[in-house]
Amino acid sequence: MLDALMKIFGKKEKSGAIAKQRLQVVLIHDRANVSPEVMENLKNDIIKVISNYMEINQHDMEISLAKDDDSVALVANIPVSRMKHDKGEHA
């Protein structure tokens, strides 16, 4: 998500800062006891549910965990192509 915000505001990070950010994400996942398989399953489940209501760009979708003080938050950046208004459009 931070990467997306940086792209919007045009600020470029140095490779060291990017590596540090990636390491923090890995450490958060480890501390939360969330395996890559669980994160992938969670992402797939979110895709299934959200796809009932809107068309999304799955390739640009980002789901991660973020640490804030004593808690861990699920952060999702899901590009929406369009909303599905008709109940008959559910997949």
PDB file of N, CA and C in Angstrom:
ATOM      1  N   MET A   1       0.823  -1.185   0.000  1.00  0.00           N
ATOM      2  CA  MET A   1       0.000   0.000   0.000  1.00  0.00           C
ATOM      3  C   MET A   1       0.872   1.255   0.000  1.00  0.00           C
ATOM      4  N   LEU A   2       1.934   1.206   0.764  1.00  0.00           N
ATOM      5  CA  LEU A   2       2.839   2.341   0.798  1.00  0.00           C
ATOM      6  C   LEU A   2       3.419   2.603  -0.582  1.00  0.00           C
ATOM      7  N   ASP A   3       3.717   1.526  -1.306  1.00  0.00           N
ATOM      8  CA  ASP A   3       4.234   1.678  -2.668  1.00  0.00           C
ATOM      9  C   ASP A   3       3.248   2.426  -3.546  1.00  0.00           C
ATOM     10  N   ALA A   4       1.973   2.100  -3.420  1.00  0.00           N
ATOM     11  CA  ALA A   4       0.944   2.760  -4.225  1.00  0.00           C
ATOM     12  C   ALA A   4       0.870   4.247  -3.901  1.00  0.00           C
ATOM     13  N   LEU A   5       0.942   4.585  -2.625  1.00  0.00           N
ATOM     14  CA  LEU A   5       0.910   5.995  -2.236  1.00  0.00           C
ATOM     15  C   LEU A   5       2.134   6.738  -2.757  1.00  0.00           C
ATOM     16  N   MET A   6       3.275   6.066  -2.701  1.00  0.00           N
ATOM     17  CA  MET A   6       4.498   6.698  -3.201  1.00  0.00           C
ATOM     18  C   MET A   6       4.396   6.967  -4.698  1.00  0.00           C
ATOM     19  N   LYS A   7       3.788   6.032  -5.440  1.00  0.00           N
ATOM     20  CA  LYS A   7       3.619   6.218  -6.878  1.00  0.00           C
ATOM     21  C   LYS A   7       2.708   7.411  -7.163  1.00  0.00           C
ATOM     22  N   ILE A   8       1.655   7.536  -6.362  1.00  0.00           N
ATOM     23  CA  ILE A   8       0.699   8.626  -6.563  1.00  0.00           C
ATOM     24  C   ILE A   8       1.366   9.976  -6.356  1.00  0.00           C
ATOM     25  N   PHE A   9       2.165  10.083  -5.288  1.00  0.00           N
ATOM     26  CA  PHE A   9       2.766  11.366  -4.959  1.00  0.00           C
ATOM     27  C   PHE A   9       4.131  11.568  -5.607  1.00  0.00           C
ATOM     28  N   GLY A  10       4.592  10.570  -6.377  1.00  0.00           N
ATOM     29  CA  GLY A  10       5.802  10.733  -7.164  1.00  0.00           C
ATOM     30  C   GLY A  10       7.102  10.647  -6.393  1.00  0.00           C
ATOM     31  N   LYS A  11       7.068  10.253  -5.143  1.00  0.00           N
ATOM     32  CA  LYS A  11       8.288  10.132  -4.362  1.00  0.00           C
ATOM     33  C   LYS A  11       8.909   8.763  -4.603  1.00  0.00           C
ATOM     34  N   LYS A  12      10.196   8.757  -4.916  1.00  0.00           N
ATOM     35  CA  LYS A  12      10.880   7.495  -5.166  1.00  0.00           C
ATOM     36  C   LYS A  12      11.720   7.133  -3.950  1.00  0.00           C
ATOM     37  N   GLU A  13      11.655   5.864  -3.591  1.00  0.00           N
ATOM     38  CA  GLU A  13      12.440   5.386  -2.462  1.00  0.00           C
ATOM     39  C   GLU A  13      13.759   4.804  -2.947  1.00  0.00           C
ATOM     40  N   LYS A  14      14.759   4.875  -2.103  1.00  0.00           N
ATOM     41  CA  LYS A  14      16.034   4.245  -2.408  1.00  0.00           C
ATOM     42  C   LYS A  14      15.910   2.751  -2.166  1.00  0.00           C
ATOM     43  N   SER A  15      16.770   1.979  -2.814  1.00  0.00           N
ATOM     44  CA  SER A  15      16.679   0.517  -2.707  1.00  0.00           C
ATOM     45  C   SER A  15      16.840   0.046  -1.267  1.00  0.00           C
ATOM     46  N   GLY A  16      17.647   0.721  -0.468  1.00  0.00           N
ATOM     47  CA  GLY A  16      17.809   0.355   0.940  1.00  0.00           C
ATOM     48  C   GLY A  16      16.512   0.524   1.718  1.00  0.00           C
ATOM     49  N   ALA A  17      15.788   1.585   1.429  1.00  0.00           N
ATOM     50  CA  ALA A  17      14.514   1.828   2.101  1.00  0.00           C
ATOM     51  C   ALA A  17      13.483   0.787   1.689  1.00  0.00           C
ATOM     52  N   ILE A  18      13.507   0.412   0.416  1.00  0.00           N
ATOM     53  CA  ILE A  18      12.580  -0.611  -0.074  1.00  0.00           C
ATOM     54  C   ILE A  18      12.879  -1.947   0.586  1.00  0.00           C
ATOM     55  N   ALA A  19      14.163  -2.301   0.676  1.00  0.00           N
ATOM     56  CA  ALA A  19      14.553  -3.561   1.323  1.00  0.00           C
ATOM     57  C   ALA A  19      14.140  -3.563   2.788  1.00  0.00           C
ATOM     58  N   LYS A  20      14.309  -2.440   3.468  1.00  0.00           N
ATOM     59  CA  LYS A  20      13.910  -2.331   4.876  1.00  0.00           C
ATOM     60  C   LYS A  20      12.405  -2.528   5.022  1.00  0.00           C
ATOM     61  N   GLN A  21      11.634  -1.910   4.130  1.00  0.00           N
ATOM     62  CA  GLN A  21      10.173  -2.041   4.169  1.00  0.00           C
ATOM     63  C   GLN A  21       9.754  -3.496   3.961  1.00  0.00           C
ATOM     64  N   ARG A  22      10.365  -4.160   2.998  1.00  0.00           N
ATOM     65  CA  ARG A  22      10.041  -5.566   2.730  1.00  0.00           C
ATOM     66  C   ARG A  22      10.390  -6.447   3.921  1.00  0.00           C
ATOM     67  N   LEU A  23      11.521  -6.186   4.556  1.00  0.00           N
ATOM     68  CA  LEU A  23      11.918  -6.946   5.738  1.00  0.00           C
ATOM     69  C   LEU A  23      10.912  -6.743   6.870  1.00  0.00           C
ATOM     70  N   GLN A  24      10.427  -5.524   7.045  1.00  0.00           N
ATOM     71  CA  GLN A  24       9.422  -5.256   8.075  1.00  0.00           C
ATOM     72  C   GLN A  24       8.155  -6.059   7.821  1.00  0.00           C
ATOM     73  N   VAL A  25       7.743  -6.155   6.558  1.00  0.00           N
ATOM     74  CA  VAL A  25       6.550  -6.942   6.217  1.00  0.00           C
ATOM     75  C   VAL A  25       6.765  -8.405   6.565  1.00  0.00           C
ATOM     76  N   VAL A  26       7.938  -8.932   6.235  1.00  0.00           N
ATOM     77  CA  VAL A  26       8.252 -10.330   6.556  1.00  0.00           C
ATOM     78  C   VAL A  26       8.224 -10.552   8.063  1.00  0.00           C
ATOM     79  N   LEU A  27       8.804  -9.639   8.820  1.00  0.00           N
ATOM     80  CA  LEU A  27       8.829  -9.774  10.279  1.00  0.00           C
ATOM     81  C   LEU A  27       7.424  -9.707  10.874  1.00  0.00           C
ATOM     82  N   ILE A  28       6.594  -8.835  10.336  1.00  0.00           N
ATOM     83  CA  ILE A  28       5.208  -8.736  10.814  1.00  0.00           C
ATOM     84  C   ILE A  28       4.479 -10.045  10.562  1.00  0.00           C
ATOM     85  N   HIS A  29       4.654 -10.625   9.386  1.00  0.00           N
ATOM     86  CA  HIS A  29       4.003 -11.893   9.064  1.00  0.00           C
ATOM     87  C   HIS A  29       4.479 -12.985  10.002  1.00  0.00           C
ATOM     88  N   ASP A  30       5.789 -12.995  10.295  1.00  0.00           N
ATOM     89  CA  ASP A  30       6.332 -13.994  11.222  1.00  0.00           C
ATOM     90  C   ASP A  30       5.751 -13.821  12.620  1.00  0.00           C
ATOM     91  N   ARG A  31       5.714 -12.600  13.116  1.00  0.00           N
ATOM     92  CA  ARG A  31       5.199 -12.336  14.471  1.00  0.00           C
ATOM     93  C   ARG A  31       3.719 -12.656  14.585  1.00  0.00           C
ATOM     94  N   ALA A  32       2.993 -12.504  13.502  1.00  0.00           N
ATOM     95  CA  ALA A  32       1.554 -12.780  13.516  1.00  0.00           C
ATOM     96  C   ALA A  32       1.279 -14.260  13.261  1.00  0.00           C
ATOM     97  N   ASN A  33       2.334 -15.052  13.060  1.00  0.00           N
ATOM     98  CA  ASN A  33       2.195 -16.483  12.785  1.00  0.00           C
ATOM     99  C   ASN A  33       1.311 -16.753  11.574  1.00  0.00           C
ATOM    100  N   VAL A  34       1.516 -16.005  10.508  1.00  0.00           N
ATOM    101  CA  VAL A  34       0.741 -16.178   9.284  1.00  0.00           C
ATOM    102  C   VAL A  34       1.681 -16.696   8.199  1.00  0.00           C
ATOM    103  N   SER A  35       1.413 -17.894   7.744  1.00  0.00           N
ATOM    104  CA  SER A  35       2.253 -18.487   6.706  1.00  0.00           C
ATOM    105  C   SER A  35       1.887 -17.910   5.341  1.00  0.00           C
ATOM    106  N   PRO A  36       2.794 -18.027   4.377  1.00  0.00           N
ATOM    107  CA  PRO A  36       2.472 -17.568   3.020  1.00  0.00           C
ATOM    108  C   PRO A  36       1.246 -18.285   2.449  1.00  0.00           C
ATOM    109  N   GLU A  37       1.061 -19.552   2.811  1.00  0.00           N
ATOM    110  CA  GLU A  37      -0.102 -20.303   2.331  1.00  0.00           C
ATOM    111  C   GLU A  37      -1.396 -19.705   2.878  1.00  0.00           C
ATOM    112  N   VAL A  38      -1.393 -19.330   4.151  1.00  0.00           N
ATOM    113  CA  VAL A  38      -2.586 -18.722   4.754  1.00  0.00           C
ATOM    114  C   VAL A  38      -2.871 -17.377   4.102  1.00  0.00           C
ATOM    115  N   MET A  39      -1.835 -16.580   3.852  1.00  0.00           N
ATOM    116  CA  MET A  39      -2.044 -15.286   3.194  1.00  0.00           C
ATOM    117  C   MET A  39      -2.604 -15.479   1.793  1.00  0.00           C
ATOM    118  N   GLU A  40      -2.113 -16.484   1.069  1.00  0.00           N
ATOM    119  CA  GLU A  40      -2.618 -16.747  -0.279  1.00  0.00           C
ATOM    120  C   GLU A  40      -4.078 -17.204  -0.226  1.00  0.00           C
ATOM    121  N   ASN A  41      -4.413 -18.074   0.729  1.00  0.00           N
ATOM    122  CA  ASN A  41      -5.804 -18.518   0.891  1.00  0.00           C
ATOM    123  C   ASN A  41      -6.712 -17.351   1.254  1.00  0.00           C
ATOM    124  N   LEU A  42      -6.234 -16.477   2.129  1.00  0.00           N
ATOM    125  CA  LEU A  42      -7.005 -15.300   2.509  1.00  0.00           C
ATOM    126  C   LEU A  42      -7.254 -14.411   1.295  1.00  0.00           C
ATOM    127  N   LYS A  43      -6.215 -14.207   0.503  1.00  0.00           N
ATOM    128  CA  LYS A  43      -6.351 -13.386  -0.704  1.00  0.00           C
ATOM    129  C   LYS A  43      -7.373 -14.001  -1.657  1.00  0.00           C
ATOM    130  N   ASN A  44      -7.302 -15.311  -1.856  1.00  0.00           N
ATOM    131  CA  ASN A  44      -8.248 -15.987  -2.753  1.00  0.00           C
ATOM    132  C   ASN A  44      -9.680 -15.883  -2.240  1.00  0.00           C
ATOM    133  N   ASP A  45      -9.870 -16.022  -0.938  1.00  0.00           N
ATOM    134  CA  ASP A  45     -11.213 -15.897  -0.360  1.00  0.00           C
ATOM    135  C   ASP A  45     -11.760 -14.485  -0.513  1.00  0.00           C
ATOM    136  N   ILE A  46     -10.904 -13.495  -0.308  1.00  0.00           N
ATOM    137  CA  ILE A  46     -11.329 -12.101  -0.465  1.00  0.00           C
ATOM    138  C   ILE A  46     -11.724 -11.842  -1.919  1.00  0.00           C
ATOM    139  N   ILE A  47     -10.949 -12.374  -2.856  1.00  0.00           N
ATOM    140  CA  ILE A  47     -11.263 -12.216  -4.281  1.00  0.00           C
ATOM    141  C   ILE A  47     -12.633 -12.805  -4.588  1.00  0.00           C
ATOM    142  N   LYS A  48     -12.912 -14.008  -4.069  1.00  0.00           N
ATOM    143  CA  LYS A  48     -14.207 -14.659  -4.320  1.00  0.00           C
ATOM    144  C   LYS A  48     -15.369 -13.809  -3.822  1.00  0.00           C
ATOM    145  N   VAL A  49     -15.246 -13.299  -2.607  1.00  0.00           N
ATOM    146  CA  VAL A  49     -16.350 -12.540  -2.010  1.00  0.00           C
ATOM    147  C   VAL A  49     -16.544 -11.199  -2.717  1.00  0.00           C
ATOM    148  N   ILE A  50     -15.469 -10.460  -2.894  1.00  0.00           N
ATOM    149  CA  ILE A  50     -15.576  -9.132  -3.500  1.00  0.00           C
ATOM    150  C   ILE A  50     -16.036  -9.219  -4.946  1.00  0.00           C
ATOM    151  N   SER A  51     -15.647 -10.285  -5.638  1.00  0.00           N
ATOM    152  CA  SER A  51     -16.045 -10.452  -7.037  1.00  0.00           C
ATOM    153  C   SER A  51     -17.543 -10.621  -7.204  1.00  0.00           C
ATOM    154  N   ASN A  52     -18.246 -10.963  -6.143  1.00  0.00           N
ATOM    155  CA  ASN A  52     -19.709 -11.024  -6.201  1.00  0.00           C
ATOM    156  C   ASN A  52     -20.328  -9.641  -6.359  1.00  0.00           C
ATOM    157  N   TYR A  53     -19.620  -8.607  -5.956  1.00  0.00           N
ATOM    158  CA  TYR A  53     -20.174  -7.261  -5.930  1.00  0.00           C
ATOM    159  C   TYR A  53     -19.499  -6.287  -6.897  1.00  0.00           C
ATOM    160  N   MET A  54     -18.285  -6.607  -7.323  1.00  0.00           N
ATOM    161  CA  MET A  54     -17.565  -5.697  -8.206  1.00  0.00           C
ATOM    162  C   MET A  54     -16.513  -6.450  -9.011  1.00  0.00           C
ATOM    163  N   GLU A  55     -16.141  -5.868 -10.139  1.00  0.00           N
ATOM    164  CA  GLU A  55     -15.043  -6.402 -10.925  1.00  0.00           C
ATOM    165  C   GLU A  55     -13.764  -5.767 -10.398  1.00  0.00           C
ATOM    166  N   ILE A  56     -12.776  -6.613 -10.105  1.00  0.00           N
ATOM    167  CA  ILE A  56     -11.527  -6.112  -9.546  1.00  0.00           C
ATOM    168  C   ILE A  56     -10.346  -6.530 -10.418  1.00  0.00           C
ATOM    169  N   ASN A  57      -9.267  -5.791 -10.285  1.00  0.00           N
ATOM    170  CA  ASN A  57      -8.018  -6.116 -10.975  1.00  0.00           C
ATOM    171  C   ASN A  57      -7.182  -6.964 -10.021  1.00  0.00           C
ATOM    172  N   GLN A  58      -7.235  -8.275 -10.178  1.00  0.00           N
ATOM    173  CA  GLN A  58      -6.559  -9.188  -9.272  1.00  0.00           C
ATOM    174  C   GLN A  58      -5.037  -9.094  -9.362  1.00  0.00           C
ATOM    175  N   HIS A  59      -4.518  -8.738 -10.521  1.00  0.00           N
ATOM    176  CA  HIS A  59      -3.065  -8.695 -10.712  1.00  0.00           C
ATOM    177  C   HIS A  59      -2.419  -7.548  -9.932  1.00  0.00           C
ATOM    178  N   ASP A  60      -3.132  -6.450  -9.759  1.00  0.00           N
ATOM    179  CA  ASP A  60      -2.588  -5.295  -9.030  1.00  0.00           C
ATOM    180  C   ASP A  60      -3.043  -5.260  -7.577  1.00  0.00           C
ATOM    181  N   MET A  61      -3.739  -6.293  -7.149  1.00  0.00           N
ATOM    182  CA  MET A  61      -4.257  -6.373  -5.788  1.00  0.00           C
ATOM    183  C   MET A  61      -3.116  -6.654  -4.809  1.00  0.00           C
ATOM    184  N   GLU A  62      -3.104  -5.939  -3.692  1.00  0.00           N
ATOM    185  CA  GLU A  62      -2.090  -6.136  -2.663  1.00  0.00           C
ATOM    186  C   GLU A  62      -2.775  -6.370  -1.326  1.00  0.00           C
ATOM    187  N   ILE A  63      -2.373  -7.429  -0.637  1.00  0.00           N
ATOM    188  CA  ILE A  63      -2.883  -7.704   0.695  1.00  0.00           C
ATOM    189  C   ILE A  63      -1.684  -7.980   1.586  1.00  0.00           C
ATOM    190  N   SER A  64      -1.624  -7.291   2.715  1.00  0.00           N
ATOM    191  CA  SER A  64      -0.506  -7.479   3.624  1.00  0.00           C
ATOM    192  C   SER A  64      -0.954  -7.245   5.055  1.00  0.00           C
ATOM    193  N   LEU A  65      -0.046  -7.498   5.967  1.00  0.00           N
ATOM    194  CA  LEU A  65      -0.280  -7.224   7.370  1.00  0.00           C
ATOM    195  C   LEU A  65       0.589  -6.051   7.777  1.00  0.00           C
ATOM    196  N   ALA A  66       0.060  -5.169   8.604  1.00  0.00           N
ATOM    197  CA  ALA A  66       0.811  -4.010   9.084  1.00  0.00           C
ATOM    198  C   ALA A  66       0.730  -3.961  10.601  1.00  0.00           C
ATOM    199  N   LYS A  67       1.847  -3.642  11.239  1.00  0.00           N
ATOM    200  CA  LYS A  67       1.874  -3.563  12.699  1.00  0.00           C
ATOM    201  C   LYS A  67       1.689  -2.121  13.117  1.00  0.00           C
ATOM    202  N   ASP A  68       0.809  -1.926  14.092  1.00  0.00           N
ATOM    203  CA  ASP A  68       0.547  -0.598  14.641  1.00  0.00           C
ATOM    204  C   ASP A  68       0.519  -0.732  16.157  1.00  0.00           C
ATOM    205  N   ASP A  69       1.571  -0.301  16.821  1.00  0.00           N
ATOM    206  CA  ASP A  69       1.735  -0.444  18.269  1.00  0.00           C
ATOM    207  C   ASP A  69       1.631  -1.910  18.671  1.00  0.00           C
ATOM    208  N   ASP A  70       0.551  -2.283  19.370  1.00  0.00           N
ATOM    209  CA  ASP A  70       0.412  -3.649  19.874  1.00  0.00           C
ATOM    210  C   ASP A  70      -0.511  -4.521  19.038  1.00  0.00           C
ATOM    211  N   SER A  71      -0.930  -4.045  17.873  1.00  0.00           N
ATOM    212  CA  SER A  71      -1.865  -4.822  17.073  1.00  0.00           C
ATOM    213  C   SER A  71      -1.348  -5.003  15.649  1.00  0.00           C
ATOM    214  N   VAL A  72      -1.961  -5.937  14.969  1.00  0.00           N
ATOM    215  CA  VAL A  72      -1.637  -6.199  13.574  1.00  0.00           C
ATOM    216  C   VAL A  72      -2.906  -5.969  12.768  1.00  0.00           C
ATOM    217  N   ALA A  73      -2.782  -5.251  11.643  1.00  0.00           N
ATOM    218  CA  ALA A  73      -3.937  -4.940  10.802  1.00  0.00           C
ATOM    219  C   ALA A  73      -3.770  -5.580   9.433  1.00  0.00           C
ATOM    220  N   LEU A  74      -4.863  -6.018   8.870  1.00  0.00           N
ATOM    221  CA  LEU A  74      -4.887  -6.507   7.500  1.00  0.00           C
ATOM    222  C   LEU A  74      -5.098  -5.293   6.604  1.00  0.00           C
ATOM    223  N   VAL A  75      -4.183  -5.093   5.652  1.00  0.00           N
ATOM    224  CA  VAL A  75      -4.248  -3.950   4.747  1.00  0.00           C
ATOM    225  C   VAL A  75      -4.463  -4.481   3.339  1.00  0.00           C
ATOM    226  N   ALA A  76      -5.503  -3.992   2.674  1.00  0.00           N
ATOM    227  CA  ALA A  76      -5.817  -4.462   1.330  1.00  0.00           C
ATOM    228  C   ALA A  76      -5.937  -3.277   0.378  1.00  0.00           C
ATOM    229  N   ASN A  77      -5.263  -3.386  -0.747  1.00  0.00           N
ATOM    230  CA  ASN A  77      -5.367  -2.411  -1.822  1.00  0.00           C
ATOM    231  C   ASN A  77      -5.918  -3.175  -3.017  1.00  0.00           C
ATOM    232  N   ILE A  78      -7.203  -2.960  -3.320  1.00  0.00           N
ATOM    233  CA  ILE A  78      -7.892  -3.742  -4.341  1.00  0.00           C
ATOM    234  C   ILE A  78      -8.451  -2.797  -5.405  1.00  0.00           C
ATOM    235  N   PRO A  79      -7.801  -2.730  -6.576  1.00  0.00           N
ATOM    236  CA  PRO A  79      -8.309  -1.864  -7.644  1.00  0.00           C
ATOM    237  C   PRO A  79      -9.652  -2.379  -8.168  1.00  0.00           C
ATOM    238  N   VAL A  80     -10.644  -1.502  -8.189  1.00  0.00           N
ATOM    239  CA  VAL A  80     -11.999  -1.848  -8.631  1.00  0.00           C
ATOM    240  C   VAL A  80     -12.207  -1.307 -10.042  1.00  0.00           C
ATOM    241  N   SER A  81     -12.586  -2.205 -10.967  1.00  0.00           N
ATOM    242  CA  SER A  81     -12.860  -1.792 -12.345  1.00  0.00           C
ATOM    243  C   SER A  81     -14.259  -1.209 -12.469  1.00  0.00           C
ATOM    244  N   ARG A  82     -15.235  -1.918 -11.886  1.00  0.00           N
ATOM    245  CA  ARG A  82     -16.605  -1.409 -11.893  1.00  0.00           C
ATOM    246  C   ARG A  82     -17.433  -2.169 -10.871  1.00  0.00           C
ATOM    247  N   MET A  83     -18.528  -1.567 -10.476  1.00  0.00           N
ATOM    248  CA  MET A  83     -19.458  -2.184  -9.535  1.00  0.00           C
ATOM    249  C   MET A  83     -20.467  -3.031 -10.313  1.00  0.00           C
ATOM    250  N   LYS A  84     -20.884  -4.114  -9.692  1.00  0.00           N
ATOM    251  CA  LYS A  84     -21.947  -4.946 -10.259  1.00  0.00           C
ATOM    252  C   LYS A  84     -23.223  -4.562  -9.523  1.00  0.00           C
ATOM    253  N   HIS A  85     -24.187  -4.043 -10.241  1.00  0.00           N
ATOM    254  CA  HIS A  85     -25.422  -3.578  -9.605  1.00  0.00           C
ATOM    255  C   HIS A  85     -26.532  -4.603  -9.673  1.00  0.00           C
ATOM    256  N   ASP A  86     -26.483  -5.480 -10.647  1.00  0.00           N
ATOM    257  CA  ASP A  86     -27.536  -6.472 -10.831  1.00  0.00           C
ATOM    258  C   ASP A  86     -27.164  -7.748 -10.101  1.00  0.00           C
ATOM    259  N   LYS A  87     -28.058  -8.272  -9.276  1.00  0.00           N
ATOM    260  CA  LYS A  87     -27.799  -9.505  -8.535  1.00  0.00           C
ATOM    261  C   LYS A  87     -27.522 -10.674  -9.468  1.00  0.00           C
ATOM    262  N   GLY A  88     -27.998 -10.619 -10.692  1.00  0.00           N
ATOM    263  CA  GLY A  88     -27.779 -11.690 -11.649  1.00  0.00           C
ATOM    264  C   GLY A  88     -26.347 -11.738 -12.174  1.00  0.00           C
ATOM    265  N   GLU A  89     -25.529 -10.728 -11.840  1.00  0.00           N
ATOM    266  CA  GLU A  89     -24.159 -10.689 -12.336  1.00  0.00           C
ATOM    267  C   GLU A  89     -23.194 -11.429 -11.440  1.00  0.00           C
ATOM    268  N   HIS A  90     -23.655 -11.993 -10.316  1.00  0.00           N
ATOM    269  CA  HIS A  90     -22.746 -12.698  -9.399  1.00  0.00           C
ATOM    270  C   HIS A  90     -22.096 -13.854 -10.107  1.00  0.00           C
ATOM    271  N   ALA A  91     -20.832 -14.052  -9.776  1.00  0.00           N
ATOM    272  CA  ALA A  91     -20.073 -15.155 -10.396  1.00  0.00           C
ATOM    273  C   ALA A  91     -20.387 -16.479  -9.750  1.00  0.00           C
TER     274      ALA A  91
END
